[in-house]
Amino acid sequence: MKRVLFVMGLCLAALSPATAQTPTPLRIAVISNGGSQLKAWFINDLKTAQAEAGLSIEFVEQTDARLDYVILVHGMSVRAGIVIAFNPKGEIVTSVLRAGPIAAKGVMEADAVDLARQLAAIKKG
C-alpha cells in the first residue's frame, strides 16, 4: 500500500507544473542629466526590456546599501545618447552609445534593451 501511495505521489508531482525560481533582482539606481522626465522614460523602457533579457530589476535610490549598479542616462544634445552602468565603487561596468537624441523614443528603447542584455550577460558571468 505504501508503494502505491508513493508511486501515485510521484505521478502527481510529475504532472504538476514546475515552479520556476525568480532570478535575484539587480538593485539599480537611475540618474539623469536630462531631468526627471528622461529618467522616468528610461526606467519604463528598462522595465519593459528586463523580461526579454531574463533579468529582474529592482529600482532603488542611489544611497541604497545593497546597490548593484548606478545607471547614468545622458543626452548629448541632438547628437547622441549614452547610458553608462557603474558598479558601487564608481567603476564603469558597461555602456551604450547611440547616435540620435536620447529623448527620441526609439533611441531610448534601444539603449534600454542593449543595456539589459549587457547586464544579463554580466550577471551570468
PDB file of N, CA and C in Angstrom:
ATOM      1  N   MET A   1       0.819  -1.195   0.000  1.00  0.00           N
ATOM      2  CA  MET A   1       0.000   0.000   0.000  1.00  0.00           C
ATOM      3  C   MET A   1       0.866   1.264   0.000  1.00  0.00           C
ATOM      4  N   LYS A   2       1.955   1.215   0.779  1.00  0.00           N
ATOM      5  CA  LYS A   2       2.843   2.380   0.830  1.00  0.00           C
ATOM      6  C   LYS A   2       3.466   2.642  -0.542  1.00  0.00           C
ATOM      7  N   ARG A   3       3.805   1.560  -1.246  1.00  0.00           N
ATOM      8  CA  ARG A   3       4.398   1.723  -2.573  1.00  0.00           C
ATOM      9  C   ARG A   3       3.409   2.370  -3.541  1.00  0.00           C
ATOM     10  N   VAL A   4       2.170   1.978  -3.466  1.00  0.00           N
ATOM     11  CA  VAL A   4       1.145   2.530  -4.352  1.00  0.00           C
ATOM     12  C   VAL A   4       0.991   4.027  -4.092  1.00  0.00           C
ATOM     13  N   LEU A   5       0.938   4.413  -2.822  1.00  0.00           N
ATOM     14  CA  LEU A   5       0.830   5.826  -2.479  1.00  0.00           C
ATOM     15  C   LEU A   5       2.063   6.605  -2.937  1.00  0.00           C
ATOM     16  N   PHE A   6       3.230   5.993  -2.786  1.00  0.00           N
ATOM     17  CA  PHE A   6       4.472   6.646  -3.206  1.00  0.00           C
ATOM     18  C   PHE A   6       4.471   6.864  -4.717  1.00  0.00           C
ATOM     19  N   VAL A   7       4.077   5.843  -5.482  1.00  0.00           N
ATOM     20  CA  VAL A   7       4.028   5.939  -6.937  1.00  0.00           C
ATOM     21  C   VAL A   7       2.989   6.966  -7.356  1.00  0.00           C
ATOM     22  N   MET A   8       1.840   6.993  -6.699  1.00  0.00           N
ATOM     23  CA  MET A   8       0.819   7.988  -7.016  1.00  0.00           C
ATOM     24  C   MET A   8       1.335   9.403  -6.750  1.00  0.00           C
ATOM     25  N   GLY A   9       2.066   9.550  -5.664  1.00  0.00           N
ATOM     26  CA  GLY A   9       2.652  10.855  -5.349  1.00  0.00           C
ATOM     27  C   GLY A   9       3.644  11.295  -6.405  1.00  0.00           C
ATOM     28  N   LEU A  10       4.471  10.378  -6.873  1.00  0.00           N
ATOM     29  CA  LEU A  10       5.426  10.694  -7.937  1.00  0.00           C
ATOM     30  C   LEU A  10       4.711  11.080  -9.229  1.00  0.00           C
ATOM     31  N   CYS A  11       3.646  10.375  -9.553  1.00  0.00           N
ATOM     32  CA  CYS A  11       2.889  10.697 -10.770  1.00  0.00           C
ATOM     33  C   CYS A  11       2.268  12.081 -10.677  1.00  0.00           C
ATOM     34  N   LEU A  12       1.686  12.394  -9.537  1.00  0.00           N
ATOM     35  CA  LEU A  12       1.098  13.720  -9.352  1.00  0.00           C
ATOM     36  C   LEU A  12       2.154  14.813  -9.426  1.00  0.00           C
ATOM     37  N   ALA A  13       3.312  14.550  -8.835  1.00  0.00           N
ATOM     38  CA  ALA A  13       4.394  15.541  -8.889  1.00  0.00           C
ATOM     39  C   ALA A  13       4.873  15.752 -10.323  1.00  0.00           C
ATOM     40  N   ALA A  14       4.898  14.684 -11.094  1.00  0.00           N
ATOM     41  CA  ALA A  14       5.345  14.802 -12.489  1.00  0.00           C
ATOM     42  C   ALA A  14       4.337  15.572 -13.336  1.00  0.00           C
ATOM     43  N   LEU A  15       3.060  15.459 -12.988  1.00  0.00           N
ATOM     44  CA  LEU A  15       2.030  16.146 -13.760  1.00  0.00           C
ATOM     45  C   LEU A  15       1.865  17.606 -13.381  1.00  0.00           C
ATOM     46  N   SER A  16       2.262  17.970 -12.187  1.00  0.00           N
ATOM     47  CA  SER A  16       2.092  19.364 -11.761  1.00  0.00           C
ATOM     48  C   SER A  16       3.148  20.234 -12.422  1.00  0.00           C
ATOM     49  N   PRO A  17       2.800  21.481 -12.744  1.00  0.00           N
ATOM     50  CA  PRO A  17       3.774  22.356 -13.405  1.00  0.00           C
ATOM     51  C   PRO A  17       4.933  22.678 -12.473  1.00  0.00           C
ATOM     52  N   ALA A  18       6.106  22.740 -13.062  1.00  0.00           N
ATOM     53  CA  ALA A  18       7.298  23.080 -12.284  1.00  0.00           C
ATOM     54  C   ALA A  18       7.239  24.552 -11.899  1.00  0.00           C
ATOM     55  N   THR A  19       7.675  24.830 -10.712  1.00  0.00           N
ATOM     56  CA  THR A  19       7.708  26.210 -10.245  1.00  0.00           C
ATOM     57  C   THR A  19       9.056  26.805 -10.596  1.00  0.00           C
ATOM     58  N   ALA A  20       9.047  27.821 -11.437  1.00  0.00           N
ATOM     59  CA  ALA A  20      10.302  28.470 -11.841  1.00  0.00           C
ATOM     60  C   ALA A  20      10.753  29.412 -10.735  1.00  0.00           C
ATOM     61  N   GLN A  21      12.027  29.381 -10.464  1.00  0.00           N
ATOM     62  CA  GLN A  21      12.565  30.303  -9.483  1.00  0.00           C
ATOM     63  C   GLN A  21      12.748  31.665 -10.119  1.00  0.00           C
ATOM     64  N   THR A  22      12.349  32.684  -9.395  1.00  0.00           N
ATOM     65  CA  THR A  22      12.555  34.028  -9.912  1.00  0.00           C
ATOM     66  C   THR A  22      14.006  34.426  -9.681  1.00  0.00           C
ATOM     67  N   PRO A  23      14.610  35.063 -10.680  1.00  0.00           N
ATOM     68  CA  PRO A  23      16.014  35.465 -10.504  1.00  0.00           C
ATOM     69  C   PRO A  23      16.144  36.540  -9.427  1.00  0.00           C
ATOM     70  N   THR A  24      17.290  36.540  -8.783  1.00  0.00           N
ATOM     71  CA  THR A  24      17.572  37.576  -7.800  1.00  0.00           C
ATOM     72  C   THR A  24      17.609  38.917  -8.517  1.00  0.00           C
ATOM     73  N   PRO A  25      16.832  39.879  -8.055  1.00  0.00           N
ATOM     74  CA  PRO A  25      16.795  41.150  -8.782  1.00  0.00           C
ATOM     75  C   PRO A  25      18.090  41.941  -8.643  1.00  0.00           C
ATOM     76  N   LEU A  26      18.451  42.608  -9.726  1.00  0.00           N
ATOM     77  CA  LEU A  26      19.541  43.577  -9.664  1.00  0.00           C
ATOM     78  C   LEU A  26      18.971  44.841  -9.044  1.00  0.00           C
ATOM     79  N   ARG A  27      19.696  45.426  -8.142  1.00  0.00           N
ATOM     80  CA  ARG A  27      19.261  46.660  -7.479  1.00  0.00           C
ATOM     81  C   ARG A  27      19.945  47.816  -8.199  1.00  0.00           C
ATOM     82  N   ILE A  28      19.139  48.607  -8.910  1.00  0.00           N
ATOM     83  CA  ILE A  28      19.657  49.638  -9.804  1.00  0.00           C
ATOM     84  C   ILE A  28      19.086  51.001  -9.440  1.00  0.00           C
ATOM     85  N   ALA A  29      19.962  51.995  -9.437  1.00  0.00           N
ATOM     86  CA  ALA A  29      19.538  53.395  -9.312  1.00  0.00           C
ATOM     87  C   ALA A  29      19.796  54.062 -10.651  1.00  0.00           C
ATOM     88  N   VAL A  30      18.835  54.832 -11.118  1.00  0.00           N
ATOM     89  CA  VAL A  30      18.968  55.545 -12.398  1.00  0.00           C
ATOM     90  C   VAL A  30      19.066  57.033 -12.105  1.00  0.00           C
ATOM     91  N   ILE A  31      20.082  57.661 -12.688  1.00  0.00           N
ATOM     92  CA  ILE A  31      20.241  59.113 -12.587  1.00  0.00           C
ATOM     93  C   ILE A  31      20.324  59.673 -13.996  1.00  0.00           C
ATOM     94  N   SER A  32      20.011  60.953 -14.135  1.00  0.00           N
ATOM     95  CA  SER A  32      19.971  61.541 -15.463  1.00  0.00           C
ATOM     96  C   SER A  32      20.364  63.003 -15.413  1.00  0.00           C
ATOM     97  N   ASN A  33      21.030  63.447 -16.483  1.00  0.00           N
ATOM     98  CA  ASN A  33      21.317  64.875 -16.608  1.00  0.00           C
ATOM     99  C   ASN A  33      20.166  65.592 -17.305  1.00  0.00           C
ATOM    100  N   GLY A  34      19.196  64.817 -17.802  1.00  0.00           N
ATOM    101  CA  GLY A  34      18.098  65.393 -18.562  1.00  0.00           C
ATOM    102  C   GLY A  34      16.839  65.601 -17.752  1.00  0.00           C
ATOM    103  N   GLY A  35      16.945  65.550 -16.454  1.00  0.00           N
ATOM    104  CA  GLY A  35      15.787  65.793 -15.610  1.00  0.00           C
ATOM    105  C   GLY A  35      14.996  64.533 -15.308  1.00  0.00           C
ATOM    106  N   SER A  36      13.962  64.712 -14.509  1.00  0.00           N
ATOM    107  CA  SER A  36      13.183  63.581 -14.028  1.00  0.00           C
ATOM    108  C   SER A  36      12.389  62.900 -15.141  1.00  0.00           C
ATOM    109  N   GLN A  37      11.985  63.638 -16.160  1.00  0.00           N
ATOM    110  CA  GLN A  37      11.216  63.036 -17.247  1.00  0.00           C
ATOM    111  C   GLN A  37      12.048  62.026 -18.030  1.00  0.00           C
ATOM    112  N   LEU A  38      13.286  62.387 -18.355  1.00  0.00           N
ATOM    113  CA  LEU A  38      14.183  61.475 -19.067  1.00  0.00           C
ATOM    114  C   LEU A  38      14.429  60.225 -18.225  1.00  0.00           C
ATOM    115  N   LYS A  39      14.646  60.419 -16.937  1.00  0.00           N
ATOM    116  CA  LYS A  39      14.855  59.295 -16.011  1.00  0.00           C
ATOM    117  C   LYS A  39      13.628  58.386 -15.996  1.00  0.00           C
ATOM    118  N   ALA A  40      12.451  58.959 -15.886  1.00  0.00           N
ATOM    119  CA  ALA A  40      11.214  58.160 -15.843  1.00  0.00           C
ATOM    120  C   ALA A  40      11.015  57.382 -17.139  1.00  0.00           C
ATOM    121  N   TRP A  41      11.253  58.020 -18.278  1.00  0.00           N
ATOM    122  CA  TRP A  41      11.123  57.330 -19.557  1.00  0.00           C
ATOM    123  C   TRP A  41      12.081  56.144 -19.635  1.00  0.00           C
ATOM    124  N   PHE A  42      13.334  56.370 -19.216  1.00  0.00           N
ATOM    125  CA  PHE A  42      14.316  55.297 -19.307  1.00  0.00           C
ATOM    126  C   PHE A  42      13.953  54.144 -18.371  1.00  0.00           C
ATOM    127  N   ILE A  43      13.498  54.455 -17.165  1.00  0.00           N
ATOM    128  CA  ILE A  43      13.100  53.401 -16.231  1.00  0.00           C
ATOM    129  C   ILE A  43      11.968  52.568 -16.836  1.00  0.00           C
ATOM    130  N   ASN A  44      10.988  53.219 -17.447  1.00  0.00           N
ATOM    131  CA  ASN A  44       9.888  52.480 -18.082  1.00  0.00           C
ATOM    132  C   ASN A  44      10.393  51.578 -19.203  1.00  0.00           C
ATOM    133  N   ASP A  45      11.315  52.086 -20.013  1.00  0.00           N
ATOM    134  CA  ASP A  45      11.870  51.266 -21.093  1.00  0.00           C
ATOM    135  C   ASP A  45      12.698  50.108 -20.548  1.00  0.00           C
ATOM    136  N   LEU A  46      13.425  50.341 -19.476  1.00  0.00           N
ATOM    137  CA  LEU A  46      14.228  49.278 -18.866  1.00  0.00           C
ATOM    138  C   LEU A  46      13.333  48.227 -18.211  1.00  0.00           C
ATOM    139  N   LYS A  47      12.230  48.649 -17.636  1.00  0.00           N
ATOM    140  CA  LYS A  47      11.266  47.692 -17.070  1.00  0.00           C
ATOM    141  C   LYS A  47      10.747  46.767 -18.169  1.00  0.00           C
ATOM    142  N   THR A  48      10.476  47.313 -19.327  1.00  0.00           N
ATOM    143  CA  THR A  48       9.994  46.513 -20.451  1.00  0.00           C
ATOM    144  C   THR A  48      11.094  45.574 -20.961  1.00  0.00           C
ATOM    145  N   ALA A  49      12.313  46.057 -21.023  1.00  0.00           N
ATOM    146  CA  ALA A  49      13.422  45.285 -21.587  1.00  0.00           C
ATOM    147  C   ALA A  49      13.927  44.182 -20.657  1.00  0.00           C
ATOM    148  N   GLN A  50      13.689  44.309 -19.348  1.00  0.00           N
ATOM    149  CA  GLN A  50      14.270  43.348 -18.405  1.00  0.00           C
ATOM    150  C   GLN A  50      13.787  41.917 -18.633  1.00  0.00           C
ATOM    151  N   ALA A  51      12.516  41.731 -18.921  1.00  0.00           N
ATOM    152  CA  ALA A  51      11.986  40.379 -19.103  1.00  0.00           C
ATOM    153  C   ALA A  51      12.611  39.690 -20.312  1.00  0.00           C
ATOM    154  N   GLU A  52      12.727  40.430 -21.415  1.00  0.00           N
ATOM    155  CA  GLU A  52      13.316  39.867 -22.628  1.00  0.00           C
ATOM    156  C   GLU A  52      14.765  39.441 -22.399  1.00  0.00           C
ATOM    157  N   ALA A  53      15.468  40.190 -21.543  1.00  0.00           N
ATOM    158  CA  ALA A  53      16.871  39.881 -21.261  1.00  0.00           C
ATOM    159  C   ALA A  53      17.025  38.821 -20.171  1.00  0.00           C
ATOM    160  N   GLY A  54      15.914  38.432 -19.548  1.00  0.00           N
ATOM    161  CA  GLY A  54      15.981  37.436 -18.482  1.00  0.00           C
ATOM    162  C   GLY A  54      16.423  38.013 -17.157  1.00  0.00           C
ATOM    163  N   LEU A  55      16.163  39.289 -16.961  1.00  0.00           N
ATOM    164  CA  LEU A  55      16.560  39.972 -15.731  1.00  0.00           C
ATOM    165  C   LEU A  55      15.356  40.273 -14.864  1.00  0.00           C
ATOM    166  N   SER A  56      15.644  40.467 -13.606  1.00  0.00           N
ATOM    167  CA  SER A  56      14.687  41.043 -12.673  1.00  0.00           C
ATOM    168  C   SER A  56      15.392  42.253 -12.077  1.00  0.00           C
ATOM    169  N   ILE A  57      14.754  43.410 -12.178  1.00  0.00           N
ATOM    170  CA  ILE A  57      15.382  44.647 -11.714  1.00  0.00           C
ATOM    171  C   ILE A  57      14.519  45.287 -10.643  1.00  0.00           C
ATOM    172  N   GLU A  58      15.164  45.697  -9.576  1.00  0.00           N
ATOM    173  CA  GLU A  58      14.509  46.480  -8.533  1.00  0.00           C
ATOM    174  C   GLU A  58      15.133  47.869  -8.578  1.00  0.00           C
ATOM    175  N   PHE A  59      14.306  48.879  -8.770  1.00  0.00           N
ATOM    176  CA  PHE A  59      14.807  50.243  -8.837  1.00  0.00           C
ATOM    177  C   PHE A  59      14.859  50.815  -7.426  1.00  0.00           C
ATOM    178  N   VAL A  60      16.040  51.303  -7.050  1.00  0.00           N
ATOM    179  CA  VAL A  60      16.277  51.801  -5.698  1.00  0.00           C
ATOM    180  C   VAL A  60      16.923  53.184  -5.772  1.00  0.00           C
ATOM    181  N   GLU A  61      17.084  53.786  -4.615  1.00  0.00           N
ATOM    182  CA  GLU A  61      17.779  55.067  -4.531  1.00  0.00           C
ATOM    183  C   GLU A  61      19.285  54.844  -4.605  1.00  0.00           C
ATOM    184  N   GLN A  62      20.001  55.854  -5.004  1.00  0.00           N
ATOM    185  CA  GLN A  62      21.457  55.760  -5.149  1.00  0.00           C
ATOM    186  C   GLN A  62      22.138  55.509  -3.801  1.00  0.00           C
ATOM    187  N   THR A  63      21.482  55.827  -2.714  1.00  0.00           N
ATOM    188  CA  THR A  63      22.067  55.655  -1.385  1.00  0.00           C
ATOM    189  C   THR A  63      21.818  54.265  -0.800  1.00  0.00           C
ATOM    190  N   ASP A  64      21.126  53.396  -1.525  1.00  0.00           N
ATOM    191  CA  ASP A  64      20.813  52.053  -1.031  1.00  0.00           C
ATOM    192  C   ASP A  64      22.107  51.278  -0.784  1.00  0.00           C
ATOM    193  N   ALA A  65      22.226  50.677   0.397  1.00  0.00           N
ATOM    194  CA  ALA A  65      23.454  49.967   0.780  1.00  0.00           C
ATOM    195  C   ALA A  65      23.694  48.714  -0.059  1.00  0.00           C
ATOM    196  N   ARG A  66      22.647  48.130  -0.624  1.00  0.00           N
ATOM    197  CA  ARG A  66      22.795  46.897  -1.406  1.00  0.00           C
ATOM    198  C   ARG A  66      22.739  47.152  -2.912  1.00  0.00           C
ATOM    199  N   LEU A  67      23.053  48.348  -3.311  1.00  0.00           N
ATOM    200  CA  LEU A  67      23.023  48.767  -4.708  1.00  0.00           C
ATOM    201  C   LEU A  67      23.980  47.929  -5.555  1.00  0.00           C
ATOM    202  N   ASP A  68      23.496  47.470  -6.726  1.00  0.00           N
ATOM    203  CA  ASP A  68      24.358  46.741  -7.664  1.00  0.00           C
ATOM    204  C   ASP A  68      24.955  47.668  -8.716  1.00  0.00           C
ATOM    205  N   TYR A  69      24.113  48.566  -9.263  1.00  0.00           N
ATOM    206  CA  TYR A  69      24.581  49.460 -10.318  1.00  0.00           C
ATOM    207  C   TYR A  69      23.901  50.823 -10.214  1.00  0.00           C
ATOM    208  N   VAL A  70      24.647  51.841 -10.640  1.00  0.00           N
ATOM    209  CA  VAL A  70      24.081  53.170 -10.876  1.00  0.00           C
ATOM    210  C   VAL A  70      24.122  53.363 -12.384  1.00  0.00           C
ATOM    211  N   ILE A  71      22.973  53.698 -12.949  1.00  0.00           N
ATOM    212  CA  ILE A  71      22.872  53.895 -14.391  1.00  0.00           C
ATOM    213  C   ILE A  71      22.736  55.391 -14.656  1.00  0.00           C
ATOM    214  N   LEU A  72      23.666  55.939 -15.429  1.00  0.00           N
ATOM    215  CA  LEU A  72      23.619  57.338 -15.827  1.00  0.00           C
ATOM    216  C   LEU A  72      23.066  57.418 -17.243  1.00  0.00           C
ATOM    217  N   VAL A  73      21.979  58.156 -17.404  1.00  0.00           N
ATOM    218  CA  VAL A  73      21.373  58.389 -18.709  1.00  0.00           C
ATOM    219  C   VAL A  73      21.732  59.815 -19.087  1.00  0.00           C
ATOM    220  N   HIS A  74      22.450  59.956 -20.206  1.00  0.00           N
ATOM    221  CA  HIS A  74      22.969  61.271 -20.584  1.00  0.00           C
ATOM    222  C   HIS A  74      22.661  61.540 -22.048  1.00  0.00           C
ATOM    223  N   GLY A  75      22.025  62.662 -22.299  1.00  0.00           N
ATOM    224  CA  GLY A  75      21.756  63.074 -23.674  1.00  0.00           C
ATOM    225  C   GLY A  75      22.726  64.168 -24.068  1.00  0.00           C
ATOM    226  N   MET A  76      23.399  63.961 -25.174  1.00  0.00           N
ATOM    227  CA  MET A  76      24.356  64.950 -25.672  1.00  0.00           C
ATOM    228  C   MET A  76      23.689  65.739 -26.782  1.00  0.00           C
ATOM    229  N   SER A  77      22.807  66.650 -26.391  1.00  0.00           N
ATOM    230  CA  SER A  77      22.083  67.477 -27.348  1.00  0.00           C
ATOM    231  C   SER A  77      21.327  66.573 -28.308  1.00  0.00           C
ATOM    232  N   VAL A  78      21.358  66.864 -29.572  1.00  0.00           N
ATOM    233  CA  VAL A  78      20.673  66.019 -30.556  1.00  0.00           C
ATOM    234  C   VAL A  78      21.636  65.049 -31.227  1.00  0.00           C
ATOM    235  N   ARG A  79      22.876  65.017 -30.775  1.00  0.00           N
ATOM    236  CA  ARG A  79      23.892  64.197 -31.441  1.00  0.00           C
ATOM    237  C   ARG A  79      23.861  62.737 -31.031  1.00  0.00           C
ATOM    238  N   ALA A  80      23.765  62.480 -29.722  1.00  0.00           N
ATOM    239  CA  ALA A  80      23.877  61.099 -29.256  1.00  0.00           C
ATOM    240  C   ALA A  80      23.299  60.957 -27.859  1.00  0.00           C
ATOM    241  N   GLY A  81      22.993  59.727 -27.532  1.00  0.00           N
ATOM    242  CA  GLY A  81      22.583  59.391 -26.185  1.00  0.00           C
ATOM    243  C   GLY A  81      23.514  58.329 -25.639  1.00  0.00           C
ATOM    244  N   ILE A  82      23.878  58.447 -24.392  1.00  0.00           N
ATOM    245  CA  ILE A  82      24.766  57.468 -23.786  1.00  0.00           C
ATOM    246  C   ILE A  82      24.186  57.018 -22.451  1.00  0.00           C
ATOM    247  N   VAL A  83      24.319  55.741 -22.200  1.00  0.00           N
ATOM    248  CA  VAL A  83      23.892  55.147 -20.942  1.00  0.00           C
ATOM    249  C   VAL A  83      25.110  54.417 -20.381  1.00  0.00           C
ATOM    250  N   ILE A  84      25.478  54.729 -19.154  1.00  0.00           N
ATOM    251  CA  ILE A  84      26.663  54.132 -18.532  1.00  0.00           C
ATOM    252  C   ILE A  84      26.252  53.456 -17.238  1.00  0.00           C
ATOM    253  N   ALA A  85      26.695  52.220 -17.041  1.00  0.00           N
ATOM    254  CA  ALA A  85      26.441  51.490 -15.800  1.00  0.00           C
ATOM    255  C   ALA A  85      27.718  51.484 -14.967  1.00  0.00           C
ATOM    256  N   PHE A  86      27.596  51.947 -13.731  1.00  0.00           N
ATOM    257  CA  PHE A  86      28.707  51.966 -12.784  1.00  0.00           C
ATOM    258  C   PHE A  86      28.437  50.953 -11.671  1.00  0.00           C
ATOM    259  N   ASN A  87      29.497  50.317 -11.180  1.00  0.00           N
ATOM    260  CA  ASN A  87      29.341  49.473 -10.005  1.00  0.00           C
ATOM    261  C   ASN A  87      29.373  50.368  -8.763  1.00  0.00           C
ATOM    262  N   PRO A  88      29.150  49.825  -7.568  1.00  0.00           N
ATOM    263  CA  PRO A  88      29.145  50.671  -6.371  1.00  0.00           C
ATOM    264  C   PRO A  88      30.473  51.392  -6.092  1.00  0.00           C
ATOM    265  N   LYS A  89      31.567  50.899  -6.668  1.00  0.00           N
ATOM    266  CA  LYS A  89      32.868  51.552  -6.491  1.00  0.00           C
ATOM    267  C   LYS A  89      33.050  52.736  -7.435  1.00  0.00           C
ATOM    268  N   GLY A  90      32.112  52.931  -8.366  1.00  0.00           N
ATOM    269  CA  GLY A  90      32.211  54.020  -9.321  1.00  0.00           C
ATOM    270  C   GLY A  90      32.935  53.645 -10.598  1.00  0.00           C
ATOM    271  N   GLU A  91      33.218  52.353 -10.776  1.00  0.00           N
ATOM    272  CA  GLU A  91      33.903  51.890 -11.981  1.00  0.00           C
ATOM    273  C   GLU A  91      32.874  51.609 -13.079  1.00  0.00           C
ATOM    274  N   ILE A  92      33.233  51.942 -14.315  1.00  0.00           N
ATOM    275  CA  ILE A  92      32.336  51.672 -15.440  1.00  0.00           C
ATOM    276  C   ILE A  92      32.293  50.167 -15.689  1.00  0.00           C
ATOM    277  N   VAL A  93      31.067  49.631 -15.728  1.00  0.00           N
ATOM    278  CA  VAL A  93      30.869  48.208 -15.965  1.00  0.00           C
ATOM    279  C   VAL A  93      30.528  47.958 -17.430  1.00  0.00           C
ATOM    280  N   THR A  94      29.652  48.794 -17.975  1.00  0.00           N
ATOM    281  CA  THR A  94      29.260  48.687 -19.373  1.00  0.00           C
ATOM    282  C   THR A  94      28.636  50.010 -19.805  1.00  0.00           C
ATOM    283  N   SER A  95      28.506  50.175 -21.109  1.00  0.00           N
ATOM    284  CA  SER A  95      27.886  51.408 -21.612  1.00  0.00           C
ATOM    285  C   SER A  95      27.246  51.151 -22.974  1.00  0.00           C
ATOM    286  N   VAL A  96      26.342  52.060 -23.328  1.00  0.00           N
ATOM    287  CA  VAL A  96      25.682  52.024 -24.625  1.00  0.00           C
ATOM    288  C   VAL A  96      25.740  53.434 -25.187  1.00  0.00           C
ATOM    289  N   LEU A  97      26.194  53.560 -26.408  1.00  0.00           N
ATOM    290  CA  LEU A  97      26.251  54.853 -27.092  1.00  0.00           C
ATOM    291  C   LEU A  97      25.532  54.703 -28.421  1.00  0.00           C
ATOM    292  N   ARG A  98      24.592  55.595 -28.671  1.00  0.00           N
ATOM    293  CA  ARG A  98      23.818  55.507 -29.899  1.00  0.00           C
ATOM    294  C   ARG A  98      23.630  56.903 -30.472  1.00  0.00           C
ATOM    295  N   ALA A  99      23.783  57.026 -31.782  1.00  0.00           N
ATOM    296  CA  ALA A  99      23.579  58.317 -32.443  1.00  0.00           C
ATOM    297  C   ALA A  99      22.102  58.681 -32.406  1.00  0.00           C
ATOM    298  N   GLY A 100      21.850  59.954 -32.238  1.00  0.00           N
ATOM    299  CA  GLY A 100      20.484  60.456 -32.204  1.00  0.00           C
ATOM    300  C   GLY A 100      20.137  60.948 -30.818  1.00  0.00           C
ATOM    301  N   PRO A 101      19.153  61.795 -30.726  1.00  0.00           N
ATOM    302  CA  PRO A 101      18.760  62.329 -29.417  1.00  0.00           C
ATOM    303  C   PRO A 101      18.163  61.237 -28.539  1.00  0.00           C
ATOM    304  N   ILE A 102      18.659  61.113 -27.323  1.00  0.00           N
ATOM    305  CA  ILE A 102      18.194  60.037 -26.444  1.00  0.00           C
ATOM    306  C   ILE A 102      16.720  60.182 -26.104  1.00  0.00           C
ATOM    307  N   ALA A 103      16.208  61.393 -26.137  1.00  0.00           N
ATOM    308  CA  ALA A 103      14.791  61.594 -25.831  1.00  0.00           C
ATOM    309  C   ALA A 103      13.878  61.055 -26.935  1.00  0.00           C
ATOM    310  N   ALA A 104      14.443  60.758 -28.105  1.00  0.00           N
ATOM    311  CA  ALA A 104      13.650  60.146 -29.163  1.00  0.00           C
ATOM    312  C   ALA A 104      13.289  58.735 -28.721  1.00  0.00           C
ATOM    313  N   LYS A 105      12.035  58.377 -28.840  1.00  0.00           N
ATOM    314  CA  LYS A 105      11.536  57.128 -28.267  1.00  0.00           C
ATOM    315  C   LYS A 105      12.325  55.905 -28.725  1.00  0.00           C
ATOM    316  N   GLY A 106      12.590  55.754 -29.987  1.00  0.00           N
ATOM    317  CA  GLY A 106      13.303  54.583 -30.473  1.00  0.00           C
ATOM    318  C   GLY A 106      14.728  54.477 -29.957  1.00  0.00           C
ATOM    319  N   VAL A 107      15.386  55.621 -29.801  1.00  0.00           N
ATOM    320  CA  VAL A 107      16.768  55.629 -29.315  1.00  0.00           C
ATOM    321  C   VAL A 107      16.810  55.149 -27.865  1.00  0.00           C
ATOM    322  N   MET A 108      15.944  55.677 -27.034  1.00  0.00           N
ATOM    323  CA  MET A 108      15.951  55.304 -25.621  1.00  0.00           C
ATOM    324  C   MET A 108      15.559  53.844 -25.431  1.00  0.00           C
ATOM    325  N   GLU A 109      14.566  53.379 -26.165  1.00  0.00           N
ATOM    326  CA  GLU A 109      14.156  51.980 -26.073  1.00  0.00           C
ATOM    327  C   GLU A 109      15.304  51.054 -26.459  1.00  0.00           C
ATOM    328  N   ALA A 110      15.994  51.376 -27.544  1.00  0.00           N
ATOM    329  CA  ALA A 110      17.124  50.555 -27.988  1.00  0.00           C
ATOM    330  C   ALA A 110      18.244  50.567 -26.960  1.00  0.00           C
ATOM    331  N   ASP A 111      18.504  51.722 -26.362  1.00  0.00           N
ATOM    332  CA  ASP A 111      19.517  51.800 -25.305  1.00  0.00           C
ATOM    333  C   ASP A 111      19.142  50.915 -24.120  1.00  0.00           C
ATOM    334  N   ALA A 112      17.873  50.942 -23.719  1.00  0.00           N
ATOM    335  CA  ALA A 112      17.419  50.131 -22.591  1.00  0.00           C
ATOM    336  C   ALA A 112      17.544  48.642 -22.889  1.00  0.00           C
ATOM    337  N   VAL A 113      17.179  48.241 -24.100  1.00  0.00           N
ATOM    338  CA  VAL A 113      17.293  46.832 -24.489  1.00  0.00           C
ATOM    339  C   VAL A 113      18.761  46.398 -24.490  1.00  0.00           C
ATOM    340  N   ASP A 114      19.626  47.200 -25.094  1.00  0.00           N
ATOM    341  CA  ASP A 114      21.058  46.864 -25.129  1.00  0.00           C
ATOM    342  C   ASP A 114      21.645  46.786 -23.724  1.00  0.00           C
ATOM    343  N   LEU A 115      21.300  47.745 -22.877  1.00  0.00           N
ATOM    344  CA  LEU A 115      21.820  47.736 -21.506  1.00  0.00           C
ATOM    345  C   LEU A 115      21.327  46.511 -20.748  1.00  0.00           C
ATOM    346  N   ALA A 116      20.056  46.172 -20.874  1.00  0.00           N
ATOM    347  CA  ALA A 116      19.511  44.998 -20.181  1.00  0.00           C
ATOM    348  C   ALA A 116      20.230  43.727 -20.628  1.00  0.00           C
ATOM    349  N   ARG A 117      20.488  43.606 -21.924  1.00  0.00           N
ATOM    350  CA  ARG A 117      21.206  42.421 -22.437  1.00  0.00           C
ATOM    351  C   ARG A 117      22.628  42.361 -21.881  1.00  0.00           C
ATOM    352  N   GLN A 118      23.301  43.506 -21.843  1.00  0.00           N
ATOM    353  CA  GLN A 118      24.667  43.533 -21.328  1.00  0.00           C
ATOM    354  C   GLN A 118      24.700  43.193 -19.836  1.00  0.00           C
ATOM    355  N   LEU A 119      23.763  43.736 -19.067  1.00  0.00           N
ATOM    356  CA  LEU A 119      23.719  43.427 -17.628  1.00  0.00           C
ATOM    357  C   LEU A 119      23.398  41.960 -17.392  1.00  0.00           C
ATOM    358  N   ALA A 120      22.533  41.388 -18.223  1.00  0.00           N
ATOM    359  CA  ALA A 120      22.215  39.959 -18.100  1.00  0.00           C
ATOM    360  C   ALA A 120      23.457  39.111 -18.380  1.00  0.00           C
ATOM    361  N   ALA A 121      24.218  39.488 -19.396  1.00  0.00           N
ATOM    362  CA  ALA A 121      25.443  38.745 -19.723  1.00  0.00           C
ATOM    363  C   ALA A 121      26.463  38.842 -18.592  1.00  0.00           C
ATOM    364  N   ILE A 122      26.564  40.031 -17.993  1.00  0.00           N
ATOM    365  CA  ILE A 122      27.497  40.217 -16.878  1.00  0.00           C
ATOM    366  C   ILE A 122      27.052  39.386 -15.685  1.00  0.00           C
ATOM    367  N   LYS A 123      25.754  39.366 -15.427  1.00  0.00           N
ATOM    368  CA  LYS A 123      25.232  38.608 -14.289  1.00  0.00           C
ATOM    369  C   LYS A 123      25.469  37.119 -14.443  1.00  0.00           C
ATOM    370  N   LYS A 124      25.346  36.615 -15.685  1.00  0.00           N
ATOM    371  CA  LYS A 124      25.580  35.194 -15.934  1.00  0.00           C
ATOM    372  C   LYS A 124      27.048  34.823 -15.770  1.00  0.00           C
ATOM    373  N   GLY A 125      27.897  35.837 -15.943  1.00  0.00           N
ATOM    374  CA  GLY A 125      29.331  35.636 -15.756  1.00  0.00           C
ATOM    375  C   GLY A 125      29.953  35.102 -16.963  1.00  0.00           C
TER     376      GLY A 125
END
